């Protein structure tokens, strides 16, 4: 069971596009920019038992520098991706958010990997 946030790319120890623990260092500096576009609100999509509420797209980019004070060990990484959240309701009581996303990781300006994400949050 996963109780994590659907916006995991915001967490300080997350770098989408890289495997878990793939990026290592003794210290790091991290910078992130995110563009949350306005949600598309649905007024009449679905049935009373299942209906769509809104769709919210987001774009993000992250830069990470490991060991920034040690020139011999310093490495640079970057990540860019997008995520779409779809909120819907089932049986009037259960609000759910289906999130899907994709990110590409870069190391030293070269593509290093990619990652897909899908999550269903039941509230």
N, C-alpha and C. Protein backbone atom coordinates (compact mmCIF):
# COMPACT_ATOMS: atom_id res chain seq x y z
N UNK A 1 0.85 -1.18 0.00
CA UNK A 1 0.00 0.00 0.00
C UNK A 1 0.89 1.23 0.00
N UNK A 2 0.57 2.18 -0.80
CA UNK A 2 1.37 3.39 -0.94
C UNK A 2 0.53 4.58 -0.51
N UNK A 3 1.00 5.29 0.49
CA UNK A 3 0.28 6.47 0.97
C UNK A 3 1.01 7.75 0.59
N UNK A 4 1.85 7.69 -0.41
CA UNK A 4 2.63 8.86 -0.82
C UNK A 4 1.80 9.87 -1.59
N UNK A 5 2.38 11.02 -1.77
CA UNK A 5 1.73 12.10 -2.50
C UNK A 5 1.74 11.81 -4.00
N UNK A 6 0.72 12.28 -4.69
CA UNK A 6 0.72 12.12 -6.14
C UNK A 6 1.69 13.11 -6.81
N UNK A 7 2.20 14.07 -6.06
CA UNK A 7 3.18 15.03 -6.57
C UNK A 7 4.56 14.72 -6.01
N UNK A 8 5.01 13.48 -6.17
CA UNK A 8 6.30 13.05 -5.60
C UNK A 8 7.48 13.78 -6.20
N UNK A 9 7.35 14.28 -7.42
CA UNK A 9 8.48 14.97 -8.03
C UNK A 9 8.86 16.22 -7.24
N UNK A 10 7.99 16.71 -6.35
CA UNK A 10 8.28 17.88 -5.52
C UNK A 10 9.17 17.55 -4.32
N UNK A 11 9.21 16.30 -3.90
CA UNK A 11 9.95 15.93 -2.70
C UNK A 11 11.45 16.13 -2.91
N UNK A 12 12.14 16.59 -1.85
CA UNK A 12 13.55 16.95 -1.97
C UNK A 12 14.46 15.78 -2.31
N UNK A 13 14.05 14.56 -1.97
CA UNK A 13 14.89 13.40 -2.25
C UNK A 13 14.47 12.65 -3.52
N UNK A 14 13.69 13.30 -4.36
CA UNK A 14 13.20 12.68 -5.59
C UNK A 14 13.85 13.32 -6.81
N UNK A 15 14.23 12.49 -7.76
CA UNK A 15 14.74 12.97 -9.04
C UNK A 15 14.18 12.07 -10.14
N UNK A 16 12.97 12.40 -10.64
CA UNK A 16 12.34 11.56 -11.67
C UNK A 16 13.24 11.39 -12.89
N UNK A 17 13.19 10.21 -13.47
CA UNK A 17 14.03 9.90 -14.62
C UNK A 17 15.24 9.08 -14.25
N UNK A 18 15.47 8.87 -12.94
CA UNK A 18 16.58 8.07 -12.45
C UNK A 18 16.03 6.98 -11.53
N UNK A 19 16.73 5.85 -11.48
CA UNK A 19 16.36 4.77 -10.59
C UNK A 19 16.56 5.19 -9.13
N UNK A 20 15.91 4.50 -8.24
CA UNK A 20 16.07 4.74 -6.82
C UNK A 20 17.54 4.53 -6.43
N UNK A 21 18.12 5.49 -5.73
CA UNK A 21 19.51 5.45 -5.26
C UNK A 21 20.54 5.43 -6.40
N UNK A 22 20.15 5.81 -7.60
CA UNK A 22 21.09 5.85 -8.71
C UNK A 22 22.03 7.04 -8.60
N UNK A 23 21.54 8.14 -8.06
CA UNK A 23 22.33 9.36 -7.91
C UNK A 23 22.83 9.39 -6.47
N UNK A 24 24.14 9.48 -6.29
CA UNK A 24 24.70 9.48 -4.94
C UNK A 24 25.69 10.62 -4.74
N UNK A 25 25.86 11.00 -3.50
CA UNK A 25 26.81 12.04 -3.15
C UNK A 25 26.75 12.30 -1.65
N UNK A 26 27.73 13.00 -1.14
CA UNK A 26 27.75 13.32 0.29
C UNK A 26 26.89 14.53 0.62
N UNK A 27 26.75 15.42 -0.33
CA UNK A 27 25.89 16.60 -0.17
C UNK A 27 25.33 16.95 -1.54
N UNK A 28 24.32 17.79 -1.57
CA UNK A 28 23.73 18.16 -2.86
C UNK A 28 23.05 19.51 -2.77
N UNK A 29 22.88 20.10 -3.92
CA UNK A 29 22.08 21.31 -4.09
C UNK A 29 21.04 20.97 -5.16
N UNK A 30 19.81 21.42 -4.93
CA UNK A 30 18.73 21.06 -5.84
C UNK A 30 17.87 22.28 -6.13
N UNK A 31 17.50 22.44 -7.37
CA UNK A 31 16.63 23.53 -7.79
C UNK A 31 15.54 22.96 -8.67
N UNK A 32 14.29 23.40 -8.45
CA UNK A 32 13.17 22.88 -9.23
C UNK A 32 12.25 24.01 -9.65
N UNK A 33 11.71 23.85 -10.85
CA UNK A 33 10.69 24.77 -11.34
C UNK A 33 9.51 23.93 -11.81
N UNK A 34 8.32 24.41 -11.52
CA UNK A 34 7.11 23.66 -11.88
C UNK A 34 6.07 24.63 -12.42
N UNK A 35 5.41 24.22 -13.48
CA UNK A 35 4.32 25.00 -14.06
C UNK A 35 3.05 24.17 -13.95
N UNK A 36 2.15 24.60 -13.06
CA UNK A 36 0.85 23.95 -12.91
C UNK A 36 -0.15 24.71 -13.76
N UNK A 37 -0.60 24.10 -14.82
CA UNK A 37 -1.56 24.74 -15.70
C UNK A 37 -2.94 24.70 -15.05
N UNK A 38 -3.82 25.63 -15.40
CA UNK A 38 -5.16 25.62 -14.80
C UNK A 38 -5.90 24.33 -15.12
N UNK A 39 -6.65 23.82 -14.16
CA UNK A 39 -7.38 22.57 -14.41
C UNK A 39 -8.50 22.77 -15.43
N UNK A 40 -8.76 21.73 -16.18
CA UNK A 40 -9.90 21.70 -17.08
C UNK A 40 -11.05 21.09 -16.28
N UNK A 41 -12.08 21.87 -16.03
CA UNK A 41 -13.19 21.43 -15.20
C UNK A 41 -14.28 20.84 -16.10
N UNK A 42 -14.72 19.64 -15.75
CA UNK A 42 -15.78 18.97 -16.50
C UNK A 42 -17.10 19.21 -15.78
N UNK A 43 -18.10 19.62 -16.53
CA UNK A 43 -19.40 19.88 -15.91
C UNK A 43 -20.38 18.73 -16.11
N UNK A 44 -20.35 18.07 -17.25
CA UNK A 44 -21.32 17.02 -17.54
C UNK A 44 -20.66 15.82 -18.18
N UNK A 45 -19.65 15.25 -17.53
CA UNK A 45 -18.98 14.08 -18.08
C UNK A 45 -19.14 12.92 -17.11
N UNK A 46 -19.90 11.92 -17.50
CA UNK A 46 -20.08 10.75 -16.67
C UNK A 46 -21.54 10.51 -16.32
N UNK A 47 -21.71 9.63 -15.35
CA UNK A 47 -23.05 9.29 -14.86
C UNK A 47 -23.09 9.64 -13.36
N UNK A 48 -24.25 9.60 -12.72
CA UNK A 48 -24.28 9.88 -11.28
C UNK A 48 -23.39 8.94 -10.45
N UNK A 49 -23.17 7.71 -10.92
CA UNK A 49 -22.35 6.77 -10.18
C UNK A 49 -20.85 6.94 -10.46
N UNK A 50 -20.50 7.54 -11.59
CA UNK A 50 -19.10 7.74 -11.97
C UNK A 50 -19.00 8.99 -12.83
N UNK A 51 -18.34 10.02 -12.32
CA UNK A 51 -18.21 11.22 -13.14
C UNK A 51 -16.84 11.87 -12.94
N UNK A 52 -16.38 12.51 -14.00
CA UNK A 52 -15.11 13.22 -14.00
C UNK A 52 -15.31 14.61 -13.44
N UNK A 53 -14.38 15.04 -12.60
CA UNK A 53 -14.46 16.37 -12.00
C UNK A 53 -13.54 17.35 -12.72
N UNK A 54 -12.24 17.04 -12.79
CA UNK A 54 -11.28 17.91 -13.48
C UNK A 54 -10.05 17.14 -13.92
N UNK A 55 -9.28 17.78 -14.81
CA UNK A 55 -8.00 17.27 -15.30
C UNK A 55 -6.99 18.39 -15.13
N UNK A 56 -5.85 18.11 -14.48
CA UNK A 56 -4.85 19.15 -14.21
C UNK A 56 -3.48 18.71 -14.73
N UNK A 57 -2.94 19.41 -15.74
CA UNK A 57 -1.60 19.08 -16.23
C UNK A 57 -0.53 19.91 -15.49
N UNK A 58 0.67 19.34 -15.39
CA UNK A 58 1.81 20.03 -14.77
C UNK A 58 3.08 19.67 -15.52
N UNK A 59 3.97 20.63 -15.68
CA UNK A 59 5.30 20.44 -16.27
C UNK A 59 6.33 20.77 -15.20
N UNK A 60 7.44 20.04 -15.17
CA UNK A 60 8.46 20.32 -14.16
C UNK A 60 9.85 20.06 -14.70
N UNK A 61 10.82 20.74 -14.12
CA UNK A 61 12.23 20.55 -14.44
C UNK A 61 13.03 20.72 -13.15
N UNK A 62 14.03 19.86 -12.98
CA UNK A 62 14.84 19.86 -11.77
C UNK A 62 16.31 19.79 -12.14
N UNK A 63 17.12 20.56 -11.42
CA UNK A 63 18.57 20.47 -11.53
C UNK A 63 19.14 20.02 -10.19
N UNK A 64 20.10 19.12 -10.22
CA UNK A 64 20.70 18.62 -8.99
C UNK A 64 22.22 18.54 -9.17
N UNK A 65 22.94 19.04 -8.17
CA UNK A 65 24.39 19.01 -8.18
C UNK A 65 24.84 18.27 -6.92
N UNK A 66 25.57 17.16 -7.10
CA UNK A 66 26.08 16.42 -5.95
C UNK A 66 27.47 16.91 -5.62
N UNK A 67 27.78 16.92 -4.34
CA UNK A 67 29.07 17.39 -3.83
C UNK A 67 29.48 18.72 -4.45
N UNK A 68 28.66 19.76 -4.32
CA UNK A 68 28.94 21.03 -5.00
C UNK A 68 30.22 21.72 -4.52
N UNK A 69 30.72 21.38 -3.34
CA UNK A 69 31.92 22.04 -2.80
C UNK A 69 33.20 21.25 -3.04
N UNK A 70 33.10 20.12 -3.73
CA UNK A 70 34.24 19.26 -4.01
C UNK A 70 34.37 19.10 -5.52
N UNK A 71 35.29 19.85 -6.13
CA UNK A 71 35.43 19.86 -7.59
C UNK A 71 35.75 18.48 -8.16
N UNK A 72 36.43 17.64 -7.41
CA UNK A 72 36.80 16.31 -7.90
C UNK A 72 35.63 15.33 -7.92
N UNK A 73 34.64 15.55 -7.08
CA UNK A 73 33.50 14.64 -6.99
C UNK A 73 32.21 15.24 -7.54
N UNK A 74 32.22 16.50 -7.90
CA UNK A 74 31.00 17.20 -8.33
C UNK A 74 30.42 16.57 -9.60
N UNK A 75 29.09 16.35 -9.59
CA UNK A 75 28.35 15.83 -10.74
C UNK A 75 27.08 16.66 -10.91
N UNK A 76 26.63 16.79 -12.14
CA UNK A 76 25.39 17.53 -12.39
C UNK A 76 24.37 16.60 -13.04
N UNK A 77 23.12 16.75 -12.60
CA UNK A 77 22.01 15.95 -13.10
C UNK A 77 20.84 16.88 -13.37
N UNK A 78 19.96 16.45 -14.25
CA UNK A 78 18.75 17.23 -14.55
C UNK A 78 17.62 16.25 -14.85
N UNK A 79 16.42 16.75 -14.69
CA UNK A 79 15.23 15.95 -14.94
C UNK A 79 14.16 16.88 -15.49
N UNK A 80 13.41 16.41 -16.47
CA UNK A 80 12.30 17.18 -17.02
C UNK A 80 11.15 16.23 -17.29
N UNK A 81 9.93 16.68 -16.99
CA UNK A 81 8.81 15.78 -17.19
C UNK A 81 7.47 16.47 -17.14
N UNK A 82 6.44 15.65 -17.25
CA UNK A 82 5.07 16.15 -17.19
C UNK A 82 4.23 15.15 -16.42
N UNK A 83 3.16 15.67 -15.85
CA UNK A 83 2.23 14.83 -15.11
C UNK A 83 0.82 15.34 -15.34
N UNK A 84 -0.13 14.43 -15.44
CA UNK A 84 -1.53 14.76 -15.60
C UNK A 84 -2.30 14.09 -14.48
N UNK A 85 -3.09 14.87 -13.74
CA UNK A 85 -3.94 14.35 -12.68
C UNK A 85 -5.39 14.44 -13.13
N UNK A 86 -6.11 13.35 -12.96
CA UNK A 86 -7.52 13.28 -13.34
C UNK A 86 -8.32 12.95 -12.09
N UNK A 87 -9.16 13.88 -11.64
CA UNK A 87 -9.99 13.66 -10.46
C UNK A 87 -11.35 13.18 -10.90
N UNK A 88 -11.84 12.13 -10.26
CA UNK A 88 -13.17 11.61 -10.56
C UNK A 88 -13.80 11.10 -9.28
N UNK A 89 -15.11 10.92 -9.31
CA UNK A 89 -15.87 10.43 -8.16
C UNK A 89 -16.62 9.17 -8.53
N UNK A 90 -16.70 8.26 -7.57
CA UNK A 90 -17.42 7.01 -7.74
C UNK A 90 -18.46 6.92 -6.64
N UNK A 91 -19.71 6.67 -7.02
CA UNK A 91 -20.82 6.51 -6.08
C UNK A 91 -20.99 7.70 -5.13
N UNK A 92 -20.68 8.89 -5.56
CA UNK A 92 -20.85 10.15 -4.83
C UNK A 92 -20.01 10.25 -3.56
N UNK A 93 -19.36 9.19 -3.11
CA UNK A 93 -18.64 9.24 -1.85
C UNK A 93 -17.13 9.16 -2.01
N UNK A 94 -16.68 8.49 -3.02
CA UNK A 94 -15.26 8.22 -3.14
C UNK A 94 -14.62 9.13 -4.19
N UNK A 95 -13.86 10.12 -3.72
CA UNK A 95 -13.08 10.95 -4.63
C UNK A 95 -11.76 10.24 -4.91
N UNK A 96 -11.38 10.18 -6.16
CA UNK A 96 -10.15 9.50 -6.56
C UNK A 96 -9.37 10.40 -7.51
N UNK A 97 -8.05 10.27 -7.46
CA UNK A 97 -7.18 10.98 -8.38
C UNK A 97 -6.30 9.97 -9.08
N UNK A 98 -6.42 9.91 -10.38
CA UNK A 98 -5.57 9.08 -11.22
C UNK A 98 -4.49 9.97 -11.80
N UNK A 99 -3.24 9.66 -11.50
CA UNK A 99 -2.11 10.47 -11.98
C UNK A 99 -1.26 9.62 -12.91
N UNK A 100 -0.81 10.23 -13.98
CA UNK A 100 0.11 9.58 -14.92
C UNK A 100 1.17 10.60 -15.29
N UNK A 101 2.41 10.14 -15.38
CA UNK A 101 3.49 11.06 -15.69
C UNK A 101 4.65 10.38 -16.39
N UNK A 102 5.52 11.21 -16.94
CA UNK A 102 6.71 10.75 -17.63
C UNK A 102 7.83 11.76 -17.35
N UNK A 103 9.04 11.27 -17.11
CA UNK A 103 10.19 12.14 -16.90
C UNK A 103 11.41 11.55 -17.58
N UNK A 104 12.29 12.43 -18.02
CA UNK A 104 13.57 12.05 -18.61
C UNK A 104 14.68 12.60 -17.74
N UNK A 105 15.69 11.77 -17.46
CA UNK A 105 16.83 12.19 -16.66
C UNK A 105 18.04 12.45 -17.53
N UNK A 106 18.84 13.43 -17.13
CA UNK A 106 20.05 13.81 -17.86
C UNK A 106 21.22 13.85 -16.88
N UNK A 107 22.38 13.38 -17.31
CA UNK A 107 23.58 13.49 -16.51
C UNK A 107 24.65 14.16 -17.34
N UNK A 108 25.13 15.29 -16.87
CA UNK A 108 26.16 16.02 -17.60
C UNK A 108 25.72 16.42 -19.00
N UNK A 109 24.45 16.71 -19.20
CA UNK A 109 23.94 17.14 -20.49
C UNK A 109 23.56 16.00 -21.43
N UNK A 110 23.77 14.74 -21.03
CA UNK A 110 23.43 13.59 -21.87
C UNK A 110 22.26 12.84 -21.24
N UNK A 111 21.39 12.32 -22.08
CA UNK A 111 20.23 11.58 -21.59
C UNK A 111 20.69 10.32 -20.86
N UNK A 112 20.17 10.15 -19.63
CA UNK A 112 20.62 9.03 -18.80
C UNK A 112 19.53 8.00 -18.56
N UNK A 113 18.28 8.35 -18.77
CA UNK A 113 17.22 7.39 -18.53
C UNK A 113 15.86 8.07 -18.56
N UNK A 114 14.83 7.26 -18.39
CA UNK A 114 13.48 7.81 -18.34
C UNK A 114 12.65 6.99 -17.38
N UNK A 115 11.48 7.51 -17.04
CA UNK A 115 10.64 6.87 -16.04
C UNK A 115 9.18 7.20 -16.31
N UNK A 116 8.33 6.21 -16.19
CA UNK A 116 6.88 6.37 -16.26
C UNK A 116 6.31 6.23 -14.86
N UNK A 117 5.21 6.90 -14.59
CA UNK A 117 4.57 6.81 -13.29
C UNK A 117 3.06 6.77 -13.48
N UNK A 118 2.41 5.90 -12.71
CA UNK A 118 0.95 5.90 -12.67
C UNK A 118 0.57 5.63 -11.22
N UNK A 119 -0.44 6.37 -10.76
CA UNK A 119 -0.84 6.29 -9.36
C UNK A 119 -2.34 6.51 -9.27
N UNK A 120 -2.98 5.79 -8.36
CA UNK A 120 -4.39 5.98 -8.07
C UNK A 120 -4.52 6.27 -6.58
N UNK A 121 -5.00 7.46 -6.27
CA UNK A 121 -5.17 7.86 -4.88
C UNK A 121 -6.66 7.87 -4.56
N UNK A 122 -7.05 7.09 -3.56
CA UNK A 122 -8.43 7.03 -3.11
C UNK A 122 -8.53 7.82 -1.82
N UNK A 123 -9.38 8.83 -1.83
CA UNK A 123 -9.47 9.72 -0.67
C UNK A 123 -10.64 9.40 0.20
